[in-house]
Amino acid sequence: MKRRLFIAALSLGLTIPLVGTQAHHGWSWTTGGNIDLTGIIKSVRLGNPHGILKIDVEGEEWTAEVGQPWRNKRAGLKDGDLAVGVEIRVIGEPAADLSERLIKVERLFLGEREFILYPSRD
């Protein structure tokens, strides 16, 4: 009996942390509307499940989710394009709670070059 209770508690303990993680992916956490931000890239972590940029936007740090490696490549981004110190303009959907300063990037601009990560969902 104690063994079953232990296994049940362990199983529950392993699945509860995943609930928040699963809810984050997709678009359900965004507002459904776009905002436009310009700033300087402060840190870069590219990879799966998606890349993360920390961007200084007028003294506020924003977290920008860019695409998975295959999506970034398909959009035309090359190694080194997203680098610390680069000015970037991002357009995308922010978190429903704007105080989180989190945005899912649909399009980004490096200088005059535009990269479309997610085609319009209209």
PDB file of N, CA and C in Angstrom:
ATOM      1  N   MET A   1       0.825  -1.190   0.000  1.00  0.00           N
ATOM      2  CA  MET A   1       0.000   0.000   0.000  1.00  0.00           C
ATOM      3  C   MET A   1       0.873   1.260   0.000  1.00  0.00           C
ATOM      4  N   LYS A   2       1.889   1.269   0.865  1.00  0.00           N
ATOM      5  CA  LYS A   2       2.769   2.435   0.926  1.00  0.00           C
ATOM      6  C   LYS A   2       3.500   2.633  -0.401  1.00  0.00           C
ATOM      7  N   ARG A   3       3.865   1.534  -1.023  1.00  0.00           N
ATOM      8  CA  ARG A   3       4.560   1.611  -2.308  1.00  0.00           C
ATOM      9  C   ARG A   3       3.662   2.251  -3.380  1.00  0.00           C
ATOM     10  N   ARG A   4       2.386   1.854  -3.431  1.00  0.00           N
ATOM     11  CA  ARG A   4       1.448   2.426  -4.399  1.00  0.00           C
ATOM     12  C   ARG A   4       1.240   3.919  -4.146  1.00  0.00           C
ATOM     13  N   LEU A   5       1.112   4.263  -2.870  1.00  0.00           N
ATOM     14  CA  LEU A   5       0.934   5.665  -2.511  1.00  0.00           C
ATOM     15  C   LEU A   5       2.165   6.479  -2.932  1.00  0.00           C
ATOM     16  N   PHE A   6       3.344   5.932  -2.700  1.00  0.00           N
ATOM     17  CA  PHE A   6       4.583   6.601  -3.084  1.00  0.00           C
ATOM     18  C   PHE A   6       4.640   6.796  -4.606  1.00  0.00           C
ATOM     19  N   ILE A   7       4.312   5.750  -5.359  1.00  0.00           N
ATOM     20  CA  ILE A   7       4.345   5.837  -6.821  1.00  0.00           C
ATOM     21  C   ILE A   7       3.315   6.846  -7.321  1.00  0.00           C
ATOM     22  N   ALA A   8       2.135   6.857  -6.738  1.00  0.00           N
ATOM     23  CA  ALA A   8       1.103   7.819  -7.131  1.00  0.00           C
ATOM     24  C   ALA A   8       1.566   9.248  -6.851  1.00  0.00           C
ATOM     25  N   ALA A   9       2.141   9.480  -5.676  1.00  0.00           N
ATOM     26  CA  ALA A   9       2.619  10.818  -5.313  1.00  0.00           C
ATOM     27  C   ALA A   9       3.769  11.242  -6.222  1.00  0.00           C
ATOM     28  N   LEU A  10       4.660  10.317  -6.542  1.00  0.00           N
ATOM     29  CA  LEU A  10       5.783  10.607  -7.420  1.00  0.00           C
ATOM     30  C   LEU A  10       5.282  10.960  -8.827  1.00  0.00           C
ATOM     31  N   SER A  11       4.334  10.192  -9.320  1.00  0.00           N
ATOM     32  CA  SER A  11       3.762  10.464 -10.645  1.00  0.00           C
ATOM     33  C   SER A  11       3.104  11.826 -10.695  1.00  0.00           C
ATOM     34  N   LEU A  12       2.334  12.155  -9.680  1.00  0.00           N
ATOM     35  CA  LEU A  12       1.671  13.448  -9.618  1.00  0.00           C
ATOM     36  C   LEU A  12       2.708  14.570  -9.544  1.00  0.00           C
ATOM     37  N   GLY A  13       3.734  14.376  -8.741  1.00  0.00           N
ATOM     38  CA  GLY A  13       4.784  15.377  -8.595  1.00  0.00           C
ATOM     39  C   GLY A  13       5.542  15.639  -9.879  1.00  0.00           C
ATOM     40  N   LEU A  14       5.675  14.608 -10.708  1.00  0.00           N
ATOM     41  CA  LEU A  14       6.381  14.773 -11.980  1.00  0.00           C
ATOM     42  C   LEU A  14       5.519  15.429 -13.048  1.00  0.00           C
ATOM     43  N   THR A  15       4.205  15.288 -12.952  1.00  0.00           N
ATOM     44  CA  THR A  15       3.339  15.854 -13.991  1.00  0.00           C
ATOM     45  C   THR A  15       2.911  17.281 -13.695  1.00  0.00           C
ATOM     46  N   ILE A  16       2.782  17.665 -12.467  1.00  0.00           N
ATOM     47  CA  ILE A  16       2.330  19.023 -12.130  1.00  0.00           C
ATOM     48  C   ILE A  16       3.245  20.097 -12.719  1.00  0.00           C
ATOM     49  N   PRO A  17       4.586  19.986 -12.620  1.00  0.00           N
ATOM     50  CA  PRO A  17       5.417  21.034 -13.217  1.00  0.00           C
ATOM     51  C   PRO A  17       5.259  21.153 -14.726  1.00  0.00           C
ATOM     52  N   LEU A  18       4.861  20.093 -15.394  1.00  0.00           N
ATOM     53  CA  LEU A  18       4.705  20.133 -16.835  1.00  0.00           C
ATOM     54  C   LEU A  18       3.472  20.906 -17.280  1.00  0.00           C
ATOM     55  N   VAL A  19       2.482  21.042 -16.424  1.00  0.00           N
ATOM     56  CA  VAL A  19       1.244  21.719 -16.801  1.00  0.00           C
ATOM     57  C   VAL A  19       1.520  23.156 -17.222  1.00  0.00           C
ATOM     58  N   GLY A  20       2.270  23.911 -16.443  1.00  0.00           N
ATOM     59  CA  GLY A  20       2.599  25.294 -16.779  1.00  0.00           C
ATOM     60  C   GLY A  20       3.451  25.386 -18.032  1.00  0.00           C
ATOM     61  N   THR A  21       4.375  24.448 -18.183  1.00  0.00           N
ATOM     62  CA  THR A  21       5.228  24.433 -19.358  1.00  0.00           C
ATOM     63  C   THR A  21       4.404  24.211 -20.617  1.00  0.00           C
ATOM     64  N   GLN A  22       3.500  23.275 -20.587  1.00  0.00           N
ATOM     65  CA  GLN A  22       2.681  23.000 -21.759  1.00  0.00           C
ATOM     66  C   GLN A  22       1.763  24.178 -22.087  1.00  0.00           C
ATOM     67  N   ALA A  23       1.229  24.826 -21.083  1.00  0.00           N
ATOM     68  CA  ALA A  23       0.309  25.939 -21.307  1.00  0.00           C
ATOM     69  C   ALA A  23       1.017  27.114 -21.970  1.00  0.00           C
ATOM     70  N   HIS A  24       2.324  27.256 -21.746  1.00  0.00           N
ATOM     71  CA  HIS A  24       3.076  28.382 -22.276  1.00  0.00           C
ATOM     72  C   HIS A  24       3.227  28.291 -23.793  1.00  0.00           C
ATOM     73  N   HIS A  25       3.421  27.088 -24.316  1.00  0.00           N
ATOM     74  CA  HIS A  25       3.663  26.946 -25.749  1.00  0.00           C
ATOM     75  C   HIS A  25       2.397  27.196 -26.555  1.00  0.00           C
ATOM     76  N   GLY A  26       2.582  27.574 -27.797  1.00  0.00           N
ATOM     77  CA  GLY A  26       1.442  27.964 -28.614  1.00  0.00           C
ATOM     78  C   GLY A  26       1.225  29.457 -28.465  1.00  0.00           C
ATOM     79  N   TRP A  27      -0.012  29.890 -28.641  1.00  0.00           N
ATOM     80  CA  TRP A  27      -0.335  31.313 -28.624  1.00  0.00           C
ATOM     81  C   TRP A  27      -1.312  31.684 -27.518  1.00  0.00           C
ATOM     82  N   SER A  28      -1.764  30.735 -26.732  1.00  0.00           N
ATOM     83  CA  SER A  28      -2.828  31.005 -25.755  1.00  0.00           C
ATOM     84  C   SER A  28      -2.435  32.050 -24.707  1.00  0.00           C
ATOM     85  N   TRP A  29      -1.170  32.235 -24.451  1.00  0.00           N
ATOM     86  CA  TRP A  29      -0.720  33.175 -23.427  1.00  0.00           C
ATOM     87  C   TRP A  29      -0.573  34.597 -23.964  1.00  0.00           C
ATOM     88  N   THR A  30      -0.765  34.796 -25.274  1.00  0.00           N
ATOM     89  CA  THR A  30      -0.589  36.123 -25.864  1.00  0.00           C
ATOM     90  C   THR A  30      -1.903  36.898 -25.905  1.00  0.00           C
ATOM     91  N   THR A  31      -1.802  38.176 -26.287  1.00  0.00           N
ATOM     92  CA  THR A  31      -2.977  39.055 -26.296  1.00  0.00           C
ATOM     93  C   THR A  31      -3.831  38.900 -27.543  1.00  0.00           C
ATOM     94  N   GLY A  32      -3.247  38.402 -28.619  1.00  0.00           N
ATOM     95  CA  GLY A  32      -3.969  38.331 -29.883  1.00  0.00           C
ATOM     96  C   GLY A  32      -3.744  39.563 -30.741  1.00  0.00           C
ATOM     97  N   GLY A  33      -3.078  40.569 -30.217  1.00  0.00           N
ATOM     98  CA  GLY A  33      -2.751  41.785 -30.960  1.00  0.00           C
ATOM     99  C   GLY A  33      -1.245  41.955 -31.011  1.00  0.00           C
ATOM    100  N   ASN A  34      -0.758  42.755 -31.950  1.00  0.00           N
ATOM    101  CA  ASN A  34       0.683  42.944 -32.099  1.00  0.00           C
ATOM    102  C   ASN A  34       1.162  44.249 -31.485  1.00  0.00           C
ATOM    103  N   ILE A  35       2.428  44.217 -31.058  1.00  0.00           N
ATOM    104  CA  ILE A  35       3.138  45.423 -30.660  1.00  0.00           C
ATOM    105  C   ILE A  35       4.450  45.447 -31.438  1.00  0.00           C
ATOM    106  N   ASP A  36       5.091  46.595 -31.450  1.00  0.00           N
ATOM    107  CA  ASP A  36       6.311  46.832 -32.209  1.00  0.00           C
ATOM    108  C   ASP A  36       7.350  47.368 -31.223  1.00  0.00           C
ATOM    109  N   LEU A  37       8.494  46.683 -31.100  1.00  0.00           N
ATOM    110  CA  LEU A  37       9.542  47.099 -30.169  1.00  0.00           C
ATOM    111  C   LEU A  37      10.873  47.194 -30.905  1.00  0.00           C
ATOM    112  N   THR A  38      11.684  48.161 -30.534  1.00  0.00           N
ATOM    113  CA  THR A  38      13.038  48.279 -31.064  1.00  0.00           C
ATOM    114  C   THR A  38      13.990  48.397 -29.891  1.00  0.00           C
ATOM    115  N   GLY A  39      15.085  47.641 -29.955  1.00  0.00           N
ATOM    116  CA  GLY A  39      16.064  47.683 -28.876  1.00  0.00           C
ATOM    117  C   GLY A  39      17.367  47.016 -29.279  1.00  0.00           C
ATOM    118  N   ILE A  40      18.206  46.805 -28.280  1.00  0.00           N
ATOM    119  CA  ILE A  40      19.524  46.198 -28.474  1.00  0.00           C
ATOM    120  C   ILE A  40      19.521  44.815 -27.826  1.00  0.00           C
ATOM    121  N   ILE A  41      19.984  43.819 -28.569  1.00  0.00           N
ATOM    122  CA  ILE A  41      20.054  42.455 -28.045  1.00  0.00           C
ATOM    123  C   ILE A  41      21.107  42.396 -26.942  1.00  0.00           C
ATOM    124  N   LYS A  42      20.702  41.923 -25.762  1.00  0.00           N
ATOM    125  CA  LYS A  42      21.605  41.807 -24.607  1.00  0.00           C
ATOM    126  C   LYS A  42      22.079  40.374 -24.391  1.00  0.00           C
ATOM    127  N   SER A  43      21.252  39.386 -24.760  1.00  0.00           N
ATOM    128  CA  SER A  43      21.666  37.985 -24.678  1.00  0.00           C
ATOM    129  C   SER A  43      20.871  37.171 -25.680  1.00  0.00           C
ATOM    130  N   VAL A  44      21.459  36.044 -26.080  1.00  0.00           N
ATOM    131  CA  VAL A  44      20.871  35.183 -27.100  1.00  0.00           C
ATOM    132  C   VAL A  44      20.995  33.732 -26.657  1.00  0.00           C
ATOM    133  N   ARG A  45      19.883  32.995 -26.751  1.00  0.00           N
ATOM    134  CA  ARG A  45      19.905  31.545 -26.573  1.00  0.00           C
ATOM    135  C   ARG A  45      19.035  30.970 -27.678  1.00  0.00           C
ATOM    136  N   LEU A  46      19.675  30.402 -28.672  1.00  0.00           N
ATOM    137  CA  LEU A  46      18.940  29.830 -29.797  1.00  0.00           C
ATOM    138  C   LEU A  46      18.889  28.315 -29.628  1.00  0.00           C
ATOM    139  N   GLY A  47      17.799  27.716 -30.028  1.00  0.00           N
ATOM    140  CA  GLY A  47      17.643  26.268 -29.920  1.00  0.00           C
ATOM    141  C   GLY A  47      16.180  25.925 -29.751  1.00  0.00           C
ATOM    142  N   ASN A  48      15.956  24.698 -29.330  1.00  0.00           N
ATOM    143  CA  ASN A  48      14.589  24.215 -29.139  1.00  0.00           C
ATOM    144  C   ASN A  48      14.159  24.391 -27.698  1.00  0.00           C
ATOM    145  N   PRO A  49      12.896  24.593 -27.383  1.00  0.00           N
ATOM    146  CA  PRO A  49      11.777  24.584 -28.312  1.00  0.00           C
ATOM    147  C   PRO A  49      11.668  25.876 -29.124  1.00  0.00           C
ATOM    148  N   HIS A  50      12.370  26.937 -28.732  1.00  0.00           N
ATOM    149  CA  HIS A  50      12.419  28.183 -29.499  1.00  0.00           C
ATOM    150  C   HIS A  50      13.571  29.002 -28.956  1.00  0.00           C
ATOM    151  N   GLY A  51      14.017  29.973 -29.750  1.00  0.00           N
ATOM    152  CA  GLY A  51      15.092  30.837 -29.298  1.00  0.00           C
ATOM    153  C   GLY A  51      14.574  31.915 -28.361  1.00  0.00           C
ATOM    154  N   ILE A  52      15.458  32.383 -27.500  1.00  0.00           N
ATOM    155  CA  ILE A  52      15.128  33.444 -26.534  1.00  0.00           C
ATOM    156  C   ILE A  52      16.155  34.560 -26.675  1.00  0.00           C
ATOM    157  N   LEU A  53      15.648  35.767 -26.870  1.00  0.00           N
ATOM    158  CA  LEU A  53      16.493  36.958 -26.876  1.00  0.00           C
ATOM    159  C   LEU A  53      16.101  37.827 -25.697  1.00  0.00           C
ATOM    160  N   LYS A  54      17.064  38.405 -25.041  1.00  0.00           N
ATOM    161  CA  LYS A  54      16.819  39.454 -24.052  1.00  0.00           C
ATOM    162  C   LYS A  54      17.181  40.756 -24.755  1.00  0.00           C
ATOM    163  N   ILE A  55      16.220  41.672 -24.776  1.00  0.00           N
ATOM    164  CA  ILE A  55      16.383  42.922 -25.528  1.00  0.00           C
ATOM    165  C   ILE A  55      16.194  44.110 -24.595  1.00  0.00           C
ATOM    166  N   ASP A  56      17.121  45.069 -24.660  1.00  0.00           N
ATOM    167  CA  ASP A  56      16.980  46.317 -23.908  1.00  0.00           C
ATOM    168  C   ASP A  56      16.168  47.276 -24.767  1.00  0.00           C
ATOM    169  N   VAL A  57      14.960  47.576 -24.299  1.00  0.00           N
ATOM    170  CA  VAL A  57      14.062  48.498 -24.997  1.00  0.00           C
ATOM    171  C   VAL A  57      13.894  49.722 -24.098  1.00  0.00           C
ATOM    172  N   GLU A  58      14.630  50.776 -24.410  1.00  0.00           N
ATOM    173  CA  GLU A  58      14.573  52.026 -23.639  1.00  0.00           C
ATOM    174  C   GLU A  58      14.723  51.785 -22.138  1.00  0.00           C
ATOM    175  N   GLY A  59      15.698  50.961 -21.768  1.00  0.00           N
ATOM    176  CA  GLY A  59      15.987  50.713 -20.366  1.00  0.00           C
ATOM    177  C   GLY A  59      15.191  49.592 -19.717  1.00  0.00           C
ATOM    178  N   GLU A  60      14.241  49.008 -20.440  1.00  0.00           N
ATOM    179  CA  GLU A  60      13.473  47.876 -19.915  1.00  0.00           C
ATOM    180  C   GLU A  60      13.904  46.613 -20.644  1.00  0.00           C
ATOM    181  N   GLU A  61      14.075  45.539 -19.879  1.00  0.00           N
ATOM    182  CA  GLU A  61      14.452  44.279 -20.507  1.00  0.00           C
ATOM    183  C   GLU A  61      13.212  43.508 -20.929  1.00  0.00           C
ATOM    184  N   TRP A  62      13.146  43.165 -22.201  1.00  0.00           N
ATOM    185  CA  TRP A  62      12.068  42.355 -22.762  1.00  0.00           C
ATOM    186  C   TRP A  62      12.641  41.002 -23.151  1.00  0.00           C
ATOM    187  N   THR A  63      11.846  39.967 -22.982  1.00  0.00           N
ATOM    188  CA  THR A  63      12.192  38.635 -23.450  1.00  0.00           C
ATOM    189  C   THR A  63      11.423  38.403 -24.744  1.00  0.00           C
ATOM    190  N   ALA A  64      12.152  38.083 -25.798  1.00  0.00           N
ATOM    191  CA  ALA A  64      11.546  37.858 -27.105  1.00  0.00           C
ATOM    192  C   ALA A  64      11.748  36.402 -27.507  1.00  0.00           C
ATOM    193  N   GLU A  65      10.632  35.716 -27.736  1.00  0.00           N
ATOM    194  CA  GLU A  65      10.697  34.337 -28.234  1.00  0.00           C
ATOM    195  C   GLU A  65      10.733  34.391 -29.746  1.00  0.00           C
ATOM    196  N   VAL A  66      11.812  33.858 -30.320  1.00  0.00           N
ATOM    197  CA  VAL A  66      11.896  33.743 -31.769  1.00  0.00           C
ATOM    198  C   VAL A  66      11.615  32.284 -32.126  1.00  0.00           C
ATOM    199  N   GLY A  67      11.762  31.932 -33.375  1.00  0.00           N
ATOM    200  CA  GLY A  67      11.380  30.593 -33.812  1.00  0.00           C
ATOM    201  C   GLY A  67      12.338  29.491 -33.406  1.00  0.00           C
ATOM    202  N   GLN A  68      11.904  28.279 -33.717  1.00  0.00           N
ATOM    203  CA  GLN A  68      12.771  27.118 -33.585  1.00  0.00           C
ATOM    204  C   GLN A  68      13.892  27.265 -34.623  1.00  0.00           C
ATOM    205  N   PRO A  69      14.990  26.520 -34.473  1.00  0.00           N
ATOM    206  CA  PRO A  69      16.091  26.663 -35.435  1.00  0.00           C
ATOM    207  C   PRO A  69      15.649  26.517 -36.898  1.00  0.00           C
ATOM    208  N   TRP A  70      14.795  25.564 -37.204  1.00  0.00           N
ATOM    209  CA  TRP A  70      14.348  25.367 -38.592  1.00  0.00           C
ATOM    210  C   TRP A  70      13.515  26.555 -39.082  1.00  0.00           C
ATOM    211  N   ARG A  71      12.716  27.138 -38.191  1.00  0.00           N
ATOM    212  CA  ARG A  71      11.867  28.271 -38.577  1.00  0.00           C
ATOM    213  C   ARG A  71      12.734  29.513 -38.834  1.00  0.00           C
ATOM    214  N   ASN A  72      13.727  29.740 -37.977  1.00  0.00           N
ATOM    215  CA  ASN A  72      14.634  30.878 -38.169  1.00  0.00           C
ATOM    216  C   ASN A  72      15.388  30.743 -39.495  1.00  0.00           C
ATOM    217  N   LYS A  73      15.861  29.532 -39.777  1.00  0.00           N
ATOM    218  CA  LYS A  73      16.582  29.288 -41.026  1.00  0.00           C
ATOM    219  C   LYS A  73      15.663  29.508 -42.228  1.00  0.00           C
ATOM    220  N   ARG A  74      14.435  28.994 -42.144  1.00  0.00           N
ATOM    221  CA  ARG A  74      13.481  29.165 -43.242  1.00  0.00           C
ATOM    222  C   ARG A  74      13.188  30.647 -43.491  1.00  0.00           C
ATOM    223  N   ALA A  75      13.181  31.450 -42.427  1.00  0.00           N
ATOM    224  CA  ALA A  75      12.934  32.895 -42.560  1.00  0.00           C
ATOM    225  C   ALA A  75      14.129  33.622 -43.178  1.00  0.00           C
ATOM    226  N   GLY A  76      15.287  32.950 -43.234  1.00  0.00           N
ATOM    227  CA  GLY A  76      16.470  33.556 -43.836  1.00  0.00           C
ATOM    228  C   GLY A  76      17.533  33.997 -42.854  1.00  0.00           C
ATOM    229  N   LEU A  77      17.318  33.764 -41.551  1.00  0.00           N
ATOM    230  CA  LEU A  77      18.328  34.132 -40.559  1.00  0.00           C
ATOM    231  C   LEU A  77      19.529  33.205 -40.670  1.00  0.00           C
ATOM    232  N   LYS A  78      20.709  33.774 -40.504  1.00  0.00           N
ATOM    233  CA  LYS A  78      21.947  33.000 -40.571  1.00  0.00           C
ATOM    234  C   LYS A  78      22.651  33.064 -39.219  1.00  0.00           C
ATOM    235  N   ASP A  79      23.567  32.131 -38.992  1.00  0.00           N
ATOM    236  CA  ASP A  79      24.357  32.140 -37.762  1.00  0.00           C
ATOM    237  C   ASP A  79      24.993  33.513 -37.591  1.00  0.00           C
ATOM    238  N   GLY A  80      24.861  34.051 -36.404  1.00  0.00           N
ATOM    239  CA  GLY A  80      25.463  35.339 -36.102  1.00  0.00           C
ATOM    240  C   GLY A  80      24.570  36.536 -36.343  1.00  0.00           C
ATOM    241  N   ASP A  81      23.453  36.359 -37.067  1.00  0.00           N
ATOM    242  CA  ASP A  81      22.540  37.493 -37.285  1.00  0.00           C
ATOM    243  C   ASP A  81      21.984  38.004 -35.952  1.00  0.00           C
ATOM    244  N   LEU A  82      21.568  37.088 -35.107  1.00  0.00           N
ATOM    245  CA  LEU A  82      21.033  37.459 -33.791  1.00  0.00           C
ATOM    246  C   LEU A  82      22.181  37.368 -32.796  1.00  0.00           C
ATOM    247  N   ALA A  83      22.792  38.510 -32.509  1.00  0.00           N
ATOM    248  CA  ALA A  83      23.972  38.543 -31.661  1.00  0.00           C
ATOM    249  C   ALA A  83      23.894  39.697 -30.670  1.00  0.00           C
ATOM    250  N   VAL A  84      24.589  39.549 -29.571  1.00  0.00           N
ATOM    251  CA  VAL A  84      24.655  40.599 -28.554  1.00  0.00           C
ATOM    252  C   VAL A  84      25.160  41.887 -29.202  1.00  0.00           C
ATOM    253  N   GLY A  85      24.486  42.999 -28.877  1.00  0.00           N
ATOM    254  CA  GLY A  85      24.876  44.312 -29.369  1.00  0.00           C
ATOM    255  C   GLY A  85      24.183  44.747 -30.646  1.00  0.00           C
ATOM    256  N   VAL A  86      23.449  43.832 -31.279  1.00  0.00           N
ATOM    257  CA  VAL A  86      22.760  44.140 -32.531  1.00  0.00           C
ATOM    258  C   VAL A  86      21.443  44.850 -32.235  1.00  0.00           C
ATOM    259  N   GLU A  87      21.162  45.912 -32.997  1.00  0.00           N
ATOM    260  CA  GLU A  87      19.847  46.562 -32.878  1.00  0.00           C
ATOM    261  C   GLU A  87      18.827  45.710 -33.619  1.00  0.00           C
ATOM    262  N   ILE A  88      17.685  45.513 -33.000  1.00  0.00           N
ATOM    263  CA  ILE A  88      16.639  44.668 -33.561  1.00  0.00           C
ATOM    264  C   ILE A  88      15.282  45.332 -33.366  1.00  0.00           C
ATOM    265  N   ARG A  89      14.441  45.165 -34.342  1.00  0.00           N
ATOM    266  CA  ARG A  89      13.039  45.587 -34.237  1.00  0.00           C
ATOM    267  C   ARG A  89      12.212  44.316 -34.329  1.00  0.00           C
ATOM    268  N   VAL A  90      11.296  44.127 -33.379  1.00  0.00           N
ATOM    269  CA  VAL A  90      10.449  42.938 -33.376  1.00  0.00           C
ATOM    270  C   VAL A  90       8.987  43.350 -33.390  1.00  0.00           C
ATOM    271  N   ILE A  91       8.190  42.590 -34.106  1.00  0.00           N
ATOM    272  CA  ILE A  91       6.739  42.772 -34.128  1.00  0.00           C
ATOM    273  C   ILE A  91       6.139  41.421 -33.761  1.00  0.00           C
ATOM    274  N   GLY A  92       5.253  41.430 -32.785  1.00  0.00           N
ATOM    275  CA  GLY A  92       4.648  40.175 -32.368  1.00  0.00           C
ATOM    276  C   GLY A  92       3.629  40.377 -31.276  1.00  0.00           C
ATOM    277  N   GLU A  93       3.192  39.261 -30.735  1.00  0.00           N
ATOM    278  CA  GLU A  93       2.144  39.273 -29.715  1.00  0.00           C
ATOM    279  C   GLU A  93       2.755  39.216 -28.317  1.00  0.00           C
ATOM    280  N   PRO A  94       2.425  40.214 -27.490  1.00  0.00           N
ATOM    281  CA  PRO A  94       2.933  40.213 -26.120  1.00  0.00           C
ATOM    282  C   PRO A  94       2.104  39.293 -25.224  1.00  0.00           C
ATOM    283  N   ALA A  95       2.677  38.987 -24.076  1.00  0.00           N
ATOM    284  CA  ALA A  95       1.936  38.240 -23.059  1.00  0.00           C
ATOM    285  C   ALA A  95       0.724  39.065 -22.643  1.00  0.00           C
ATOM    286  N   ALA A  96      -0.345  38.376 -22.281  1.00  0.00           N
ATOM    287  CA  ALA A  96      -1.572  39.061 -21.861  1.00  0.00           C
ATOM    288  C   ALA A  96      -1.288  40.035 -20.720  1.00  0.00           C
ATOM    289  N   ASP A  97      -0.337  39.688 -19.853  1.00  0.00           N
ATOM    290  CA  ASP A  97       0.084  40.577 -18.775  1.00  0.00           C
ATOM    291  C   ASP A  97       1.330  41.320 -19.267  1.00  0.00           C
ATOM    292  N   LEU A  98       1.161  42.560 -19.703  1.00  0.00           N
ATOM    293  CA  LEU A  98       2.269  43.330 -20.278  1.00  0.00           C
ATOM    294  C   LEU A  98       3.429  43.534 -19.311  1.00  0.00           C
ATOM    295  N   SER A  99       3.160  43.442 -18.007  1.00  0.00           N
ATOM    296  CA  SER A  99       4.241  43.621 -17.046  1.00  0.00           C
ATOM    297  C   SER A  99       5.276  42.493 -17.138  1.00  0.00           C
ATOM    298  N   GLU A 100       4.925  41.384 -17.785  1.00  0.00           N
ATOM    299  CA  GLU A 100       5.886  40.291 -17.987  1.00  0.00           C
ATOM    300  C   GLU A 100       6.961  40.664 -18.989  1.00  0.00           C
ATOM    301  N   ARG A 101       6.680  41.655 -19.853  1.00  0.00           N
ATOM    302  CA  ARG A 101       7.614  42.081 -20.898  1.00  0.00           C
ATOM    303  C   ARG A 101       8.126  40.877 -21.690  1.00  0.00           C
ATOM    304  N   LEU A 102       7.162  40.112 -22.200  1.00  0.00           N
ATOM    305  CA  LEU A 102       7.430  38.907 -22.976  1.00  0.00           C
ATOM    306  C   LEU A 102       6.670  39.003 -24.286  1.00  0.00           C
ATOM    307  N   ILE A 103       7.345  38.733 -25.396  1.00  0.00           N
ATOM    308  CA  ILE A 103       6.720  38.844 -26.710  1.00  0.00           C
ATOM    309  C   ILE A 103       7.076  37.624 -27.559  1.00  0.00           C
ATOM    310  N   LYS A 104       6.078  37.108 -28.257  1.00  0.00           N
ATOM    311  CA  LYS A 104       6.293  36.044 -29.238  1.00  0.00           C
ATOM    312  C   LYS A 104       6.451  36.736 -30.585  1.00  0.00           C
ATOM    313  N   VAL A 105       7.642  36.665 -31.134  1.00  0.00           N
ATOM    314  CA  VAL A 105       7.996  37.421 -32.334  1.00  0.00           C
ATOM    315  C   VAL A 105       7.420  36.756 -33.584  1.00  0.00           C
ATOM    316  N   GLU A 106       6.692  37.546 -34.366  1.00  0.00           N
ATOM    317  CA  GLU A 106       6.187  37.081 -35.657  1.00  0.00           C
ATOM    318  C   GLU A 106       7.110  37.530 -36.790  1.00  0.00           C
ATOM    319  N   ARG A 107       7.584  38.787 -36.690  1.00  0.00           N
ATOM    320  CA  ARG A 107       8.499  39.353 -37.684  1.00  0.00           C
ATOM    321  C   ARG A 107       9.592  40.100 -36.949  1.00  0.00           C
ATOM    322  N   LEU A 108      10.781  40.108 -37.532  1.00  0.00           N
ATOM    323  CA  LEU A 108      11.855  40.907 -36.952  1.00  0.00           C
ATOM    324  C   LEU A 108      12.638  41.569 -38.072  1.00  0.00           C
ATOM    325  N   PHE A 109      13.274  42.667 -37.702  1.00  0.00           N
ATOM    326  CA  PHE A 109      14.047  43.455 -38.655  1.00  0.00           C
ATOM    327  C   PHE A 109      15.443  43.662 -38.090  1.00  0.00           C
ATOM    328  N   LEU A 110      16.436  43.421 -38.938  1.00  0.00           N
ATOM    329  CA  LEU A 110      17.825  43.732 -38.638  1.00  0.00           C
ATOM    330  C   LEU A 110      18.242  44.728 -39.706  1.00  0.00           C
ATOM    331  N   GLY A 111      18.321  45.993 -39.314  1.00  0.00           N
ATOM    332  CA  GLY A 111      18.512  47.043 -40.314  1.00  0.00           C
ATOM    333  C   GLY A 111      17.291  47.073 -41.218  1.00  0.00           C
ATOM    334  N   GLU A 112      17.502  47.027 -42.510  1.00  0.00           N
ATOM    335  CA  GLU A 112      16.401  47.042 -43.476  1.00  0.00           C
ATOM    336  C   GLU A 112      15.902  45.637 -43.820  1.00  0.00           C
ATOM    337  N   ARG A 113      16.597  44.616 -43.327  1.00  0.00           N
ATOM    338  CA  ARG A 113      16.223  43.236 -43.655  1.00  0.00           C
ATOM    339  C   ARG A 113      15.076  42.758 -42.760  1.00  0.00           C
ATOM    340  N   GLU A 114      14.034  42.230 -43.399  1.00  0.00           N
ATOM    341  CA  GLU A 114      12.873  41.708 -42.674  1.00  0.00           C
ATOM    342  C   GLU A 114      12.901  40.182 -42.711  1.00  0.00           C
ATOM    343  N   PHE A 115      12.581  39.574 -41.569  1.00  0.00           N
ATOM    344  CA  PHE A 115      12.517  38.124 -41.441  1.00  0.00           C
ATOM    345  C   PHE A 115      11.141  37.762 -40.882  1.00  0.00           C
ATOM    346  N   ILE A 116      10.384  36.981 -41.637  1.00  0.00           N
ATOM    347  CA  ILE A 116       9.034  36.589 -41.217  1.00  0.00           C
ATOM    348  C   ILE A 116       9.098  35.188 -40.622  1.00  0.00           C
ATOM    349  N   LEU A 117       8.915  35.113 -39.302  1.00  0.00           N
ATOM    350  CA  LEU A 117       8.962  33.820 -38.608  1.00  0.00           C
ATOM    351  C   LEU A 117       7.622  33.114 -38.666  1.00  0.00           C
ATOM    352  N   TYR A 118       6.555  33.871 -38.454  1.00  0.00           N
ATOM    353  CA  TYR A 118       5.201  33.318 -38.471  1.00  0.00           C
ATOM    354  C   TYR A 118       4.361  34.163 -39.414  1.00  0.00           C
ATOM    355  N   PRO A 119       3.874  33.563 -40.513  1.00  0.00           N
ATOM    356  CA  PRO A 119       3.000  34.338 -41.405  1.00  0.00           C
ATOM    357  C   PRO A 119       1.770  34.844 -40.638  1.00  0.00           C
ATOM    358  N   SER A 120       1.166  35.883 -41.119  1.00  0.00           N
ATOM    359  CA  SER A 120       0.000  36.487 -40.471  1.00  0.00           C
ATOM    360  C   SER A 120      -1.039  35.438 -40.138  1.00  0.00           C
ATOM    361  N   ARG A 121      -1.617  35.541 -38.930  1.00  0.00           N
ATOM    362  CA  ARG A 121      -2.628  34.585 -38.487  1.00  0.00           C
ATOM    363  C   ARG A 121      -4.037  35.165 -38.640  1.00  0.00           C
ATOM    364  N   ASP A 122      -4.174  36.233 -39.445  1.00  0.00           N
ATOM    365  CA  ASP A 122      -5.491  36.881 -39.636  1.00  0.00           C
ATOM    366  C   ASP A 122      -6.474  35.960 -40.295  1.00  0.00           C
TER     367      ASP A 122
END
